[in-house]
Amino acid sequence: MSRTPGTARQADTNRFVYIAAAISALGGMLFGYDTGVISGAILFIQQDFALSPTLIEIVVSSVVLGAMIGAFAGGTLTDRFGRRIVLIVAAALFALGAVGTALASKVFWLIIGRVIVGMAIGVASFTTPLYISEISPLNLRGRFVSFNQIALTSGIVIAYLVDYALSDMRGWRGMFGLAAVPSALLGIGMAFMPESPRWLGSHG
């Protein structure tokens, strides 16, 4: 039985939204990954940098400071520049933070890298579900927005698996650095995605 033109258009629209939601949900996955990866990495960081208990707390919690900054700025940035551009910037911050923490030669640079990652988390935690909701058909909005939460929890699981896989070689740099791969996929993918219709409408 052949599909009517209207049905075909709806199927194409839904397929496109699945792709757009999956790409943007990488922001949620990175949120989960960068939140969870420190649990395994900090054991080896503590030994390599001879960290005191206070410095351990700073290294772990510095991502929260960055997330506060990113969350505070996220709303203004998305309203001014658009959801798509802000997600591309978040992807760049995720990648910069991943590479920075992986290559850190001193604990100071490790903390700076974690703050940058936190800023990306703060921005993505706001912008990702917003973008997905605004590109989704009304009748499927709940389904598509759930992609972000699924991606977030999957990121945490992936972080634990990576920590386990690299623990024998004490590979905390690899644990952090691997986040650059989904960061690049998010940035490149969003470069081919359209802006949110709601943001375009609000800007005429």
N, C-alpha and C. Protein backbone atom coordinates (compact mmCIF):
# COMPACT_ATOMS: atom_id res chain seq x y z
N MET A 1 0.85 -1.20 0.00
CA MET A 1 0.00 0.00 0.00
C MET A 1 0.89 1.25 0.00
N SER A 2 0.70 2.12 -0.97
CA SER A 2 1.55 3.30 -1.09
C SER A 2 1.14 4.35 -0.08
N ARG A 3 2.12 5.13 0.33
CA ARG A 3 1.86 6.19 1.30
C ARG A 3 1.38 7.44 0.58
N THR A 4 0.50 8.18 1.23
CA THR A 4 0.06 9.46 0.68
C THR A 4 1.20 10.47 0.81
N PRO A 5 1.18 11.53 0.00
CA PRO A 5 2.23 12.55 0.13
C PRO A 5 2.35 13.12 1.53
N GLY A 6 1.21 13.34 2.19
CA GLY A 6 1.25 13.88 3.56
C GLY A 6 1.91 12.92 4.52
N THR A 7 1.60 11.63 4.40
CA THR A 7 2.20 10.61 5.27
C THR A 7 3.70 10.51 5.02
N ALA A 8 4.08 10.57 3.75
CA ALA A 8 5.51 10.50 3.41
C ALA A 8 6.27 11.68 3.98
N ARG A 9 5.66 12.87 3.87
CA ARG A 9 6.33 14.05 4.43
C ARG A 9 6.48 13.93 5.94
N GLN A 10 5.45 13.42 6.61
CA GLN A 10 5.51 13.26 8.06
C GLN A 10 6.59 12.28 8.45
N ALA A 11 6.70 11.17 7.71
CA ALA A 11 7.73 10.17 7.99
C ALA A 11 9.13 10.76 7.80
N ASP A 12 9.30 11.56 6.73
CA ASP A 12 10.60 12.20 6.50
C ASP A 12 10.93 13.19 7.61
N THR A 13 9.92 13.93 8.05
CA THR A 13 10.12 14.89 9.14
C THR A 13 10.53 14.17 10.42
N ASN A 14 9.83 13.10 10.75
CA ASN A 14 10.15 12.35 11.95
C ASN A 14 11.55 11.76 11.89
N ARG A 15 11.93 11.27 10.70
CA ARG A 15 13.27 10.70 10.52
C ARG A 15 14.34 11.77 10.74
N PHE A 16 14.08 12.94 10.19
CA PHE A 16 15.03 14.04 10.36
C PHE A 16 15.15 14.43 11.83
N VAL A 17 14.03 14.50 12.54
CA VAL A 17 14.05 14.90 13.94
C VAL A 17 14.79 13.86 14.77
N TYR A 18 14.63 12.58 14.44
CA TYR A 18 15.40 11.53 15.13
C TYR A 18 16.89 11.79 15.00
N ILE A 19 17.32 12.12 13.78
CA ILE A 19 18.74 12.37 13.53
C ILE A 19 19.21 13.61 14.30
N ALA A 20 18.44 14.69 14.21
CA ALA A 20 18.81 15.93 14.89
C ALA A 20 18.84 15.74 16.41
N ALA A 21 17.85 15.02 16.93
CA ALA A 21 17.79 14.79 18.37
C ALA A 21 18.96 13.92 18.83
N ALA A 22 19.30 12.91 18.03
CA ALA A 22 20.41 12.02 18.39
C ALA A 22 21.74 12.77 18.41
N ILE A 23 21.94 13.65 17.42
CA ILE A 23 23.19 14.42 17.37
C ILE A 23 23.28 15.38 18.54
N SER A 24 22.21 16.15 18.76
CA SER A 24 22.25 17.12 19.85
C SER A 24 22.31 16.44 21.21
N ALA A 25 21.76 15.23 21.32
CA ALA A 25 21.80 14.51 22.59
C ALA A 25 23.22 14.08 22.98
N LEU A 26 24.16 14.19 22.04
CA LEU A 26 25.56 13.95 22.41
C LEU A 26 26.01 14.92 23.50
N GLY A 27 25.38 16.11 23.53
CA GLY A 27 25.65 17.04 24.62
C GLY A 27 25.29 16.45 25.97
N GLY A 28 24.16 15.75 26.03
CA GLY A 28 23.77 15.08 27.26
C GLY A 28 24.70 13.92 27.59
N MET A 29 25.13 13.18 26.55
CA MET A 29 26.06 12.08 26.78
C MET A 29 27.38 12.58 27.37
N LEU A 30 27.87 13.71 26.83
CA LEU A 30 29.11 14.28 27.34
C LEU A 30 28.94 14.79 28.77
N PHE A 31 27.78 15.32 29.06
CA PHE A 31 27.44 15.72 30.43
C PHE A 31 27.64 14.53 31.36
N GLY A 32 27.03 13.41 31.03
CA GLY A 32 27.14 12.23 31.86
C GLY A 32 28.56 11.68 31.92
N TYR A 33 29.23 11.66 30.76
CA TYR A 33 30.58 11.09 30.71
C TYR A 33 31.54 11.90 31.57
N ASP A 34 31.54 13.22 31.39
CA ASP A 34 32.49 14.06 32.12
C ASP A 34 32.16 14.16 33.60
N THR A 35 30.91 13.89 33.96
CA THR A 35 30.55 13.83 35.37
C THR A 35 31.03 12.54 36.01
N GLY A 36 30.93 11.44 35.27
CA GLY A 36 31.26 10.13 35.83
C GLY A 36 32.72 9.74 35.74
N VAL A 37 33.45 10.26 34.74
CA VAL A 37 34.80 9.77 34.47
C VAL A 37 35.77 10.07 35.61
N ILE A 38 35.53 11.15 36.35
CA ILE A 38 36.45 11.54 37.41
C ILE A 38 36.52 10.49 38.51
N SER A 39 35.46 9.70 38.68
CA SER A 39 35.43 8.73 39.78
C SER A 39 36.55 7.70 39.66
N GLY A 40 36.88 7.31 38.44
CA GLY A 40 37.99 6.37 38.25
C GLY A 40 39.31 7.07 38.06
N ALA A 41 39.29 8.22 37.41
CA ALA A 41 40.54 8.91 37.10
C ALA A 41 41.21 9.50 38.34
N ILE A 42 40.43 9.94 39.31
CA ILE A 42 41.00 10.65 40.45
C ILE A 42 41.94 9.75 41.27
N LEU A 43 41.73 8.45 41.23
CA LEU A 43 42.60 7.54 41.98
C LEU A 43 44.03 7.63 41.49
N PHE A 44 44.20 7.72 40.17
CA PHE A 44 45.53 7.77 39.58
C PHE A 44 46.08 9.20 39.56
N ILE A 45 45.20 10.17 39.42
CA ILE A 45 45.62 11.58 39.48
C ILE A 45 46.20 11.88 40.86
N GLN A 46 45.56 11.38 41.89
CA GLN A 46 46.04 11.60 43.26
C GLN A 46 47.47 11.09 43.42
N GLN A 47 47.76 9.93 42.86
CA GLN A 47 49.09 9.35 42.99
C GLN A 47 50.11 10.09 42.13
N ASP A 48 49.75 10.41 40.90
CA ASP A 48 50.71 11.06 39.99
C ASP A 48 51.07 12.47 40.42
N PHE A 49 50.11 13.21 41.00
CA PHE A 49 50.36 14.59 41.40
C PHE A 49 50.53 14.74 42.91
N ALA A 50 50.51 13.63 43.64
CA ALA A 50 50.65 13.64 45.10
C ALA A 50 49.69 14.67 45.72
N LEU A 51 48.42 14.53 45.41
CA LEU A 51 47.43 15.51 45.84
C LEU A 51 47.07 15.34 47.31
N SER A 52 46.91 16.47 47.97
CA SER A 52 46.38 16.47 49.33
C SER A 52 44.87 16.29 49.26
N PRO A 53 44.23 15.94 50.38
CA PRO A 53 42.76 15.82 50.36
C PRO A 53 42.06 17.08 49.85
N THR A 54 42.59 18.25 50.20
CA THR A 54 41.98 19.51 49.75
C THR A 54 42.06 19.65 48.24
N LEU A 55 43.22 19.33 47.66
CA LEU A 55 43.38 19.43 46.21
C LEU A 55 42.52 18.40 45.48
N ILE A 56 42.34 17.23 46.08
CA ILE A 56 41.44 16.24 45.48
C ILE A 56 40.04 16.81 45.39
N GLU A 57 39.59 17.45 46.45
CA GLU A 57 38.25 18.04 46.46
C GLU A 57 38.13 19.15 45.42
N ILE A 58 39.20 19.93 45.26
CA ILE A 58 39.16 21.02 44.28
C ILE A 58 39.11 20.47 42.86
N VAL A 59 39.92 19.45 42.57
CA VAL A 59 39.93 18.85 41.24
C VAL A 59 38.56 18.28 40.90
N VAL A 60 37.96 17.57 41.85
CA VAL A 60 36.66 16.94 41.60
C VAL A 60 35.56 17.99 41.46
N SER A 61 35.57 18.98 42.34
CA SER A 61 34.46 19.94 42.38
C SER A 61 34.61 21.10 41.40
N SER A 62 35.80 21.26 40.79
CA SER A 62 36.01 22.38 39.87
C SER A 62 35.05 22.32 38.68
N VAL A 63 34.63 21.11 38.31
CA VAL A 63 33.68 21.00 37.21
C VAL A 63 32.34 21.61 37.58
N VAL A 64 31.99 21.58 38.88
CA VAL A 64 30.74 22.17 39.33
C VAL A 64 30.79 23.69 39.22
N LEU A 65 31.95 24.26 39.54
CA LEU A 65 32.12 25.70 39.38
C LEU A 65 31.91 26.11 37.93
N GLY A 66 32.54 25.37 37.02
CA GLY A 66 32.36 25.66 35.60
C GLY A 66 30.92 25.49 35.16
N ALA A 67 30.24 24.46 35.70
CA ALA A 67 28.85 24.23 35.33
C ALA A 67 27.95 25.37 35.79
N MET A 68 28.25 25.94 36.94
CA MET A 68 27.48 27.09 37.42
C MET A 68 27.64 28.28 36.47
N ILE A 69 28.88 28.51 36.03
CA ILE A 69 29.13 29.61 35.09
C ILE A 69 28.40 29.35 33.77
N GLY A 70 28.51 28.13 33.26
CA GLY A 70 27.86 27.80 31.99
C GLY A 70 26.36 27.87 32.06
N ALA A 71 25.78 27.39 33.18
CA ALA A 71 24.33 27.42 33.33
C ALA A 71 23.83 28.85 33.46
N PHE A 72 24.59 29.69 34.16
CA PHE A 72 24.20 31.09 34.33
C PHE A 72 24.18 31.82 32.99
N ALA A 73 25.18 31.53 32.15
CA ALA A 73 25.29 32.23 30.87
C ALA A 73 24.46 31.58 29.77
N GLY A 74 24.09 30.31 29.95
CA GLY A 74 23.45 29.55 28.88
C GLY A 74 22.18 30.17 28.35
N GLY A 75 21.30 30.62 29.24
CA GLY A 75 20.03 31.18 28.80
C GLY A 75 20.20 32.42 27.94
N THR A 76 21.04 33.33 28.38
CA THR A 76 21.28 34.56 27.63
C THR A 76 21.92 34.26 26.27
N LEU A 77 22.89 33.35 26.27
CA LEU A 77 23.59 33.03 25.02
C LEU A 77 22.66 32.38 24.00
N THR A 78 21.82 31.44 24.45
CA THR A 78 20.92 30.76 23.50
C THR A 78 19.87 31.71 22.94
N ASP A 79 19.41 32.64 23.77
CA ASP A 79 18.44 33.62 23.28
C ASP A 79 19.07 34.58 22.28
N ARG A 80 20.31 34.92 22.50
CA ARG A 80 20.95 35.91 21.63
C ARG A 80 21.50 35.30 20.34
N PHE A 81 22.19 34.17 20.46
CA PHE A 81 22.90 33.62 19.31
C PHE A 81 22.23 32.39 18.69
N GLY A 82 21.28 31.79 19.37
CA GLY A 82 20.61 30.62 18.83
C GLY A 82 21.08 29.34 19.47
N ARG A 83 20.20 28.33 19.47
CA ARG A 83 20.51 27.06 20.13
C ARG A 83 21.62 26.31 19.40
N ARG A 84 21.57 26.32 18.08
CA ARG A 84 22.54 25.57 17.28
C ARG A 84 23.96 26.08 17.49
N ILE A 85 24.15 27.38 17.40
CA ILE A 85 25.49 27.97 17.56
C ILE A 85 26.02 27.70 18.96
N VAL A 86 25.17 27.81 19.96
CA VAL A 86 25.61 27.59 21.34
C VAL A 86 26.01 26.14 21.56
N LEU A 87 25.30 25.20 20.93
CA LEU A 87 25.69 23.80 21.04
C LEU A 87 27.03 23.54 20.36
N ILE A 88 27.30 24.22 19.26
CA ILE A 88 28.60 24.09 18.60
C ILE A 88 29.70 24.63 19.51
N VAL A 89 29.44 25.76 20.16
CA VAL A 89 30.41 26.32 21.11
C VAL A 89 30.61 25.36 22.28
N ALA A 90 29.53 24.77 22.78
CA ALA A 90 29.64 23.81 23.88
C ALA A 90 30.50 22.61 23.46
N ALA A 91 30.32 22.16 22.22
CA ALA A 91 31.14 21.05 21.72
C ALA A 91 32.62 21.42 21.70
N ALA A 92 32.92 22.66 21.30
CA ALA A 92 34.30 23.13 21.30
C ALA A 92 34.86 23.17 22.73
N LEU A 93 34.04 23.61 23.68
CA LEU A 93 34.48 23.64 25.07
C LEU A 93 34.70 22.23 25.61
N PHE A 94 33.80 21.31 25.27
CA PHE A 94 33.99 19.91 25.68
C PHE A 94 35.31 19.37 25.15
N ALA A 95 35.59 19.63 23.87
CA ALA A 95 36.82 19.13 23.26
C ALA A 95 38.05 19.78 23.88
N LEU A 96 38.00 21.10 24.09
CA LEU A 96 39.12 21.80 24.69
C LEU A 96 39.39 21.29 26.11
N GLY A 97 38.32 21.11 26.87
CA GLY A 97 38.48 20.60 28.23
C GLY A 97 39.03 19.17 28.24
N ALA A 98 38.57 18.34 27.32
CA ALA A 98 39.04 16.95 27.25
C ALA A 98 40.53 16.89 26.94
N VAL A 99 40.94 17.65 25.93
CA VAL A 99 42.36 17.66 25.56
C VAL A 99 43.19 18.31 26.65
N GLY A 100 42.68 19.40 27.23
CA GLY A 100 43.42 20.10 28.29
C GLY A 100 43.67 19.23 29.50
N THR A 101 42.65 18.51 29.94
CA THR A 101 42.83 17.64 31.11
C THR A 101 43.71 16.45 30.78
N ALA A 102 43.60 15.94 29.58
CA ALA A 102 44.43 14.78 29.19
C ALA A 102 45.91 15.14 29.12
N LEU A 103 46.22 16.38 28.75
CA LEU A 103 47.62 16.79 28.57
C LEU A 103 48.16 17.57 29.77
N ALA A 104 47.36 17.75 30.81
CA ALA A 104 47.77 18.59 31.94
C ALA A 104 49.06 18.09 32.57
N SER A 105 50.04 18.99 32.68
CA SER A 105 51.32 18.64 33.29
C SER A 105 51.37 19.03 34.76
N LYS A 106 50.48 19.92 35.18
CA LYS A 106 50.39 20.36 36.56
C LYS A 106 48.94 20.35 36.99
N VAL A 107 48.74 20.26 38.29
CA VAL A 107 47.38 20.19 38.80
C VAL A 107 46.61 21.47 38.47
N PHE A 108 47.30 22.60 38.37
CA PHE A 108 46.63 23.86 38.02
C PHE A 108 45.93 23.74 36.67
N TRP A 109 46.62 23.20 35.68
CA TRP A 109 46.04 23.06 34.34
C TRP A 109 44.95 22.00 34.32
N LEU A 110 45.08 21.01 35.17
CA LEU A 110 44.01 20.02 35.29
C LEU A 110 42.74 20.66 35.80
N ILE A 111 42.87 21.53 36.79
CA ILE A 111 41.71 22.23 37.35
C ILE A 111 41.09 23.15 36.30
N ILE A 112 41.93 23.88 35.56
CA ILE A 112 41.42 24.76 34.51
C ILE A 112 40.66 23.95 33.46
N GLY A 113 41.21 22.82 33.07
CA GLY A 113 40.52 21.96 32.10
C GLY A 113 39.18 21.48 32.62
N ARG A 114 39.13 21.14 33.91
CA ARG A 114 37.87 20.69 34.50
C ARG A 114 36.84 21.83 34.55
N VAL A 115 37.30 23.04 34.82
CA VAL A 115 36.39 24.19 34.82
C VAL A 115 35.80 24.40 33.43
N ILE A 116 36.64 24.27 32.39
CA ILE A 116 36.17 24.43 31.01
C ILE A 116 35.14 23.37 30.68
N VAL A 117 35.42 22.13 31.07
CA VAL A 117 34.44 21.05 30.86
C VAL A 117 33.14 21.37 31.59
N GLY A 118 33.26 21.89 32.81
CA GLY A 118 32.06 22.25 33.56
C GLY A 118 31.24 23.32 32.87
N MET A 119 31.92 24.30 32.28
CA MET A 119 31.20 25.34 31.53
C MET A 119 30.41 24.72 30.39
N ALA A 120 31.03 23.77 29.70
CA ALA A 120 30.33 23.08 28.61
C ALA A 120 29.13 22.30 29.13
N ILE A 121 29.30 21.66 30.28
CA ILE A 121 28.19 20.92 30.89
C ILE A 121 27.04 21.85 31.23
N GLY A 122 27.37 22.99 31.83
CA GLY A 122 26.32 23.94 32.20
C GLY A 122 25.54 24.45 31.01
N VAL A 123 26.25 24.73 29.92
CA VAL A 123 25.59 25.21 28.70
C VAL A 123 24.76 24.09 28.06
N ALA A 124 25.36 22.90 27.94
CA ALA A 124 24.67 21.79 27.27
C ALA A 124 23.46 21.30 28.05
N SER A 125 23.55 21.34 29.39
CA SER A 125 22.43 20.85 30.19
C SER A 125 21.17 21.68 29.97
N PHE A 126 21.34 22.93 29.59
CA PHE A 126 20.21 23.81 29.31
C PHE A 126 19.82 23.77 27.84
N THR A 127 20.82 23.82 26.96
CA THR A 127 20.56 24.02 25.54
C THR A 127 20.11 22.75 24.82
N THR A 128 20.67 21.61 25.20
CA THR A 128 20.33 20.36 24.50
C THR A 128 18.85 20.03 24.57
N PRO A 129 18.25 19.92 25.77
CA PRO A 129 16.81 19.61 25.80
C PRO A 129 15.96 20.72 25.18
N LEU A 130 16.42 21.97 25.30
CA LEU A 130 15.68 23.08 24.69
C LEU A 130 15.64 22.94 23.17
N TYR A 131 16.79 22.67 22.58
CA TYR A 131 16.86 22.51 21.12
C TYR A 131 16.00 21.33 20.66
N ILE A 132 16.12 20.22 21.36
CA ILE A 132 15.36 19.03 20.96
C ILE A 132 13.86 19.31 21.03
N SER A 133 13.42 19.96 22.09
CA SER A 133 11.98 20.22 22.25
C SER A 133 11.47 21.15 21.16
N GLU A 134 12.30 22.10 20.73
CA GLU A 134 11.84 23.09 19.76
C GLU A 134 11.89 22.59 18.32
N ILE A 135 12.59 21.52 18.05
CA ILE A 135 12.58 20.96 16.69
C ILE A 135 11.63 19.78 16.57
N SER A 136 11.05 19.33 17.67
CA SER A 136 10.23 18.13 17.67
C SER A 136 8.78 18.43 17.36
N PRO A 137 8.11 17.54 16.62
CA PRO A 137 6.66 17.68 16.44
C PRO A 137 5.96 17.60 17.80
N LEU A 138 4.89 18.33 17.94
CA LEU A 138 4.22 18.44 19.24
C LEU A 138 3.83 17.08 19.79
N ASN A 139 3.34 16.18 18.93
CA ASN A 139 2.85 14.88 19.41
C ASN A 139 3.98 13.93 19.78
N LEU A 140 5.23 14.26 19.41
CA LEU A 140 6.36 13.39 19.72
C LEU A 140 7.40 14.07 20.61
N ARG A 141 7.06 15.22 21.14
CA ARG A 141 8.04 16.01 21.87
C ARG A 141 8.58 15.29 23.09
N GLY A 142 7.71 14.65 23.86
CA GLY A 142 8.17 13.93 25.05
C GLY A 142 9.14 12.82 24.71
N ARG A 143 8.85 12.09 23.63
CA ARG A 143 9.73 11.00 23.22
C ARG A 143 11.12 11.51 22.85
N PHE A 144 11.16 12.59 22.08
CA PHE A 144 12.45 13.09 21.62
C PHE A 144 13.26 13.75 22.74
N VAL A 145 12.58 14.48 23.62
CA VAL A 145 13.31 15.11 24.73
C VAL A 145 13.91 14.07 25.66
N SER A 146 13.28 12.89 25.74
CA SER A 146 13.83 11.83 26.59
C SER A 146 15.18 11.34 26.07
N PHE A 147 15.49 11.61 24.80
CA PHE A 147 16.80 11.24 24.26
C PHE A 147 17.92 11.83 25.12
N ASN A 148 17.71 13.05 25.57
CA ASN A 148 18.76 13.71 26.34
C ASN A 148 19.04 12.98 27.64
N GLN A 149 17.98 12.59 28.35
CA GLN A 149 18.17 11.89 29.62
C GLN A 149 18.78 10.51 29.41
N ILE A 150 18.34 9.83 28.35
CA ILE A 150 18.92 8.52 28.04
C ILE A 150 20.40 8.67 27.72
N ALA A 151 20.73 9.70 26.94
CA ALA A 151 22.13 9.93 26.59
C ALA A 151 22.96 10.27 27.82
N LEU A 152 22.40 11.05 28.73
CA LEU A 152 23.12 11.44 29.94
C LEU A 152 23.48 10.23 30.78
N THR A 153 22.49 9.39 31.05
CA THR A 153 22.76 8.21 31.87
C THR A 153 23.67 7.23 31.14
N SER A 154 23.54 7.15 29.81
CA SER A 154 24.44 6.29 29.02
C SER A 154 25.87 6.80 29.14
N GLY A 155 26.04 8.12 29.15
CA GLY A 155 27.37 8.70 29.29
C GLY A 155 28.03 8.31 30.59
N ILE A 156 27.25 8.29 31.66
CA ILE A 156 27.80 7.87 32.96
C ILE A 156 28.26 6.42 32.90
N VAL A 157 27.43 5.56 32.32
CA VAL A 157 27.78 4.14 32.20
C VAL A 157 29.05 3.98 31.35
N ILE A 158 29.11 4.69 30.23
CA ILE A 158 30.29 4.61 29.35
C ILE A 158 31.54 5.07 30.10
N ALA A 159 31.41 6.12 30.90
CA ALA A 159 32.55 6.61 31.67
C ALA A 159 33.07 5.54 32.62
N TYR A 160 32.17 4.84 33.29
CA TYR A 160 32.60 3.79 34.21
C TYR A 160 33.27 2.64 33.46
N LEU A 161 32.74 2.31 32.28
CA LEU A 161 33.34 1.23 31.49
C LEU A 161 34.73 1.62 30.99
N VAL A 162 34.88 2.87 30.56
CA VAL A 162 36.19 3.36 30.11
C VAL A 162 37.17 3.38 31.28
N ASP A 163 36.72 3.85 32.43
CA ASP A 163 37.57 3.85 33.63
C ASP A 163 38.07 2.44 33.93
N TYR A 164 37.16 1.48 33.85
CA TYR A 164 37.53 0.09 34.13
C TYR A 164 38.52 -0.44 33.10
N ALA A 165 38.26 -0.13 31.82
CA ALA A 165 39.11 -0.65 30.76
C ALA A 165 40.52 -0.09 30.82
N LEU A 166 40.67 1.14 31.27
CA LEU A 166 41.98 1.79 31.29
C LEU A 166 42.64 1.77 32.66
N SER A 167 41.99 1.16 33.64
CA SER A 167 42.53 1.19 35.00
C SER A 167 43.81 0.39 35.13
N ASP A 168 43.95 -0.72 34.41
CA ASP A 168 45.16 -1.54 34.53
C ASP A 168 46.41 -0.79 34.07
N MET A 169 46.25 0.12 33.11
CA MET A 169 47.39 0.89 32.62
C MET A 169 47.46 2.28 33.25
N ARG A 170 46.64 2.50 34.26
CA ARG A 170 46.60 3.79 34.97
C ARG A 170 46.37 4.94 33.97
N GLY A 171 45.50 4.71 33.01
CA GLY A 171 45.34 5.63 31.89
C GLY A 171 44.33 6.73 32.13
N TRP A 172 44.54 7.54 33.16
CA TRP A 172 43.59 8.61 33.45
C TRP A 172 43.58 9.67 32.35
N ARG A 173 44.70 9.85 31.66
CA ARG A 173 44.73 10.82 30.56
C ARG A 173 43.84 10.35 29.41
N GLY A 174 43.88 9.08 29.13
CA GLY A 174 42.99 8.53 28.11
C GLY A 174 41.53 8.60 28.50
N MET A 175 41.26 8.43 29.79
CA MET A 175 39.88 8.53 30.27
C MET A 175 39.30 9.91 29.95
N PHE A 176 40.09 10.95 30.20
CA PHE A 176 39.64 12.30 29.90
C PHE A 176 39.66 12.57 28.39
N GLY A 177 40.73 12.16 27.73
CA GLY A 177 40.92 12.50 26.32
C GLY A 177 39.89 11.91 25.39
N LEU A 178 39.36 10.74 25.73
CA LEU A 178 38.39 10.09 24.84
C LEU A 178 37.13 10.93 24.65
N ALA A 179 36.85 11.84 25.57
CA ALA A 179 35.66 12.69 25.43
C ALA A 179 35.76 13.62 24.23
N ALA A 180 36.97 13.80 23.70
CA ALA A 180 37.13 14.65 22.51
C ALA A 180 36.45 14.06 21.29
N VAL A 181 36.28 12.74 21.25
CA VAL A 181 35.66 12.10 20.07
C VAL A 181 34.18 12.47 19.95
N PRO A 182 33.34 12.20 20.99
CA PRO A 182 31.93 12.65 20.87
C PRO A 182 31.80 14.16 20.80
N SER A 183 32.76 14.89 21.37
CA SER A 183 32.72 16.35 21.26
C SER A 183 32.82 16.78 19.81
N ALA A 184 33.76 16.15 19.09
CA ALA A 184 33.92 16.48 17.67
C ALA A 184 32.68 16.08 16.87
N LEU A 185 32.10 14.94 17.20
CA LEU A 185 30.89 14.49 16.50
C LEU A 185 29.74 15.46 16.75
N LEU A 186 29.62 15.96 17.98
CA LEU A 186 28.58 16.93 18.29
C LEU A 186 28.77 18.22 17.50
N GLY A 187 29.99 18.74 17.49
CA GLY A 187 30.25 19.99 16.78
C GLY A 187 30.04 19.87 15.29
N ILE A 188 30.56 18.79 14.70
CA ILE A 188 30.42 18.60 13.26
C ILE A 188 28.96 18.34 12.90
N GLY A 189 28.29 17.51 13.70
CA GLY A 189 26.89 17.20 13.42
C GLY A 189 26.00 18.42 13.49
N MET A 190 26.20 19.26 14.51
CA MET A 190 25.36 20.45 14.66
C MET A 190 25.63 21.47 13.57
N ALA A 191 26.80 21.42 12.97
CA ALA A 191 27.10 22.35 11.86
C ALA A 191 26.18 22.10 10.67
N PHE A 192 25.61 20.89 10.58
CA PHE A 192 24.73 20.55 9.47
C PHE A 192 23.25 20.58 9.86
N MET A 193 22.98 20.90 11.12
CA MET A 193 21.60 20.95 11.59
C MET A 193 21.03 22.37 11.45
N PRO A 194 19.72 22.50 11.33
CA PRO A 194 19.11 23.83 11.24
C PRO A 194 18.97 24.45 12.61
N GLU A 195 18.71 25.74 12.62
CA GLU A 195 18.42 26.43 13.87
C GLU A 195 17.01 26.07 14.32
N SER A 196 16.76 26.23 15.60
CA SER A 196 15.43 25.98 16.15
C SER A 196 14.39 26.89 15.50
N PRO A 197 13.27 26.33 15.02
CA PRO A 197 12.22 27.18 14.42
C PRO A 197 11.69 28.24 15.39
N ARG A 198 11.62 27.89 16.66
CA ARG A 198 11.11 28.86 17.65
C ARG A 198 12.07 30.05 17.76
N TRP A 199 13.38 29.79 17.76
CA TRP A 199 14.33 30.91 17.85
C TRP A 199 14.28 31.75 16.58
N LEU A 200 14.16 31.11 15.43
CA LEU A 200 14.06 31.85 14.18
C LEU A 200 12.81 32.72 14.18
N GLY A 201 11.72 32.16 14.67
CA GLY A 201 10.47 32.94 14.71
C GLY A 201 10.57 34.13 15.66
N SER A 202 11.25 33.92 16.79
CA SER A 202 11.37 35.03 17.74
C SER A 202 12.29 36.13 17.25
N HIS A 203 13.08 35.85 16.21
CA HIS A 203 13.97 36.85 15.64
C HIS A 203 13.50 37.28 14.24
N GLY A 204 12.27 37.03 13.95
CA GLY A 204 11.68 37.52 12.72
C GLY A 204 12.07 36.72 11.49
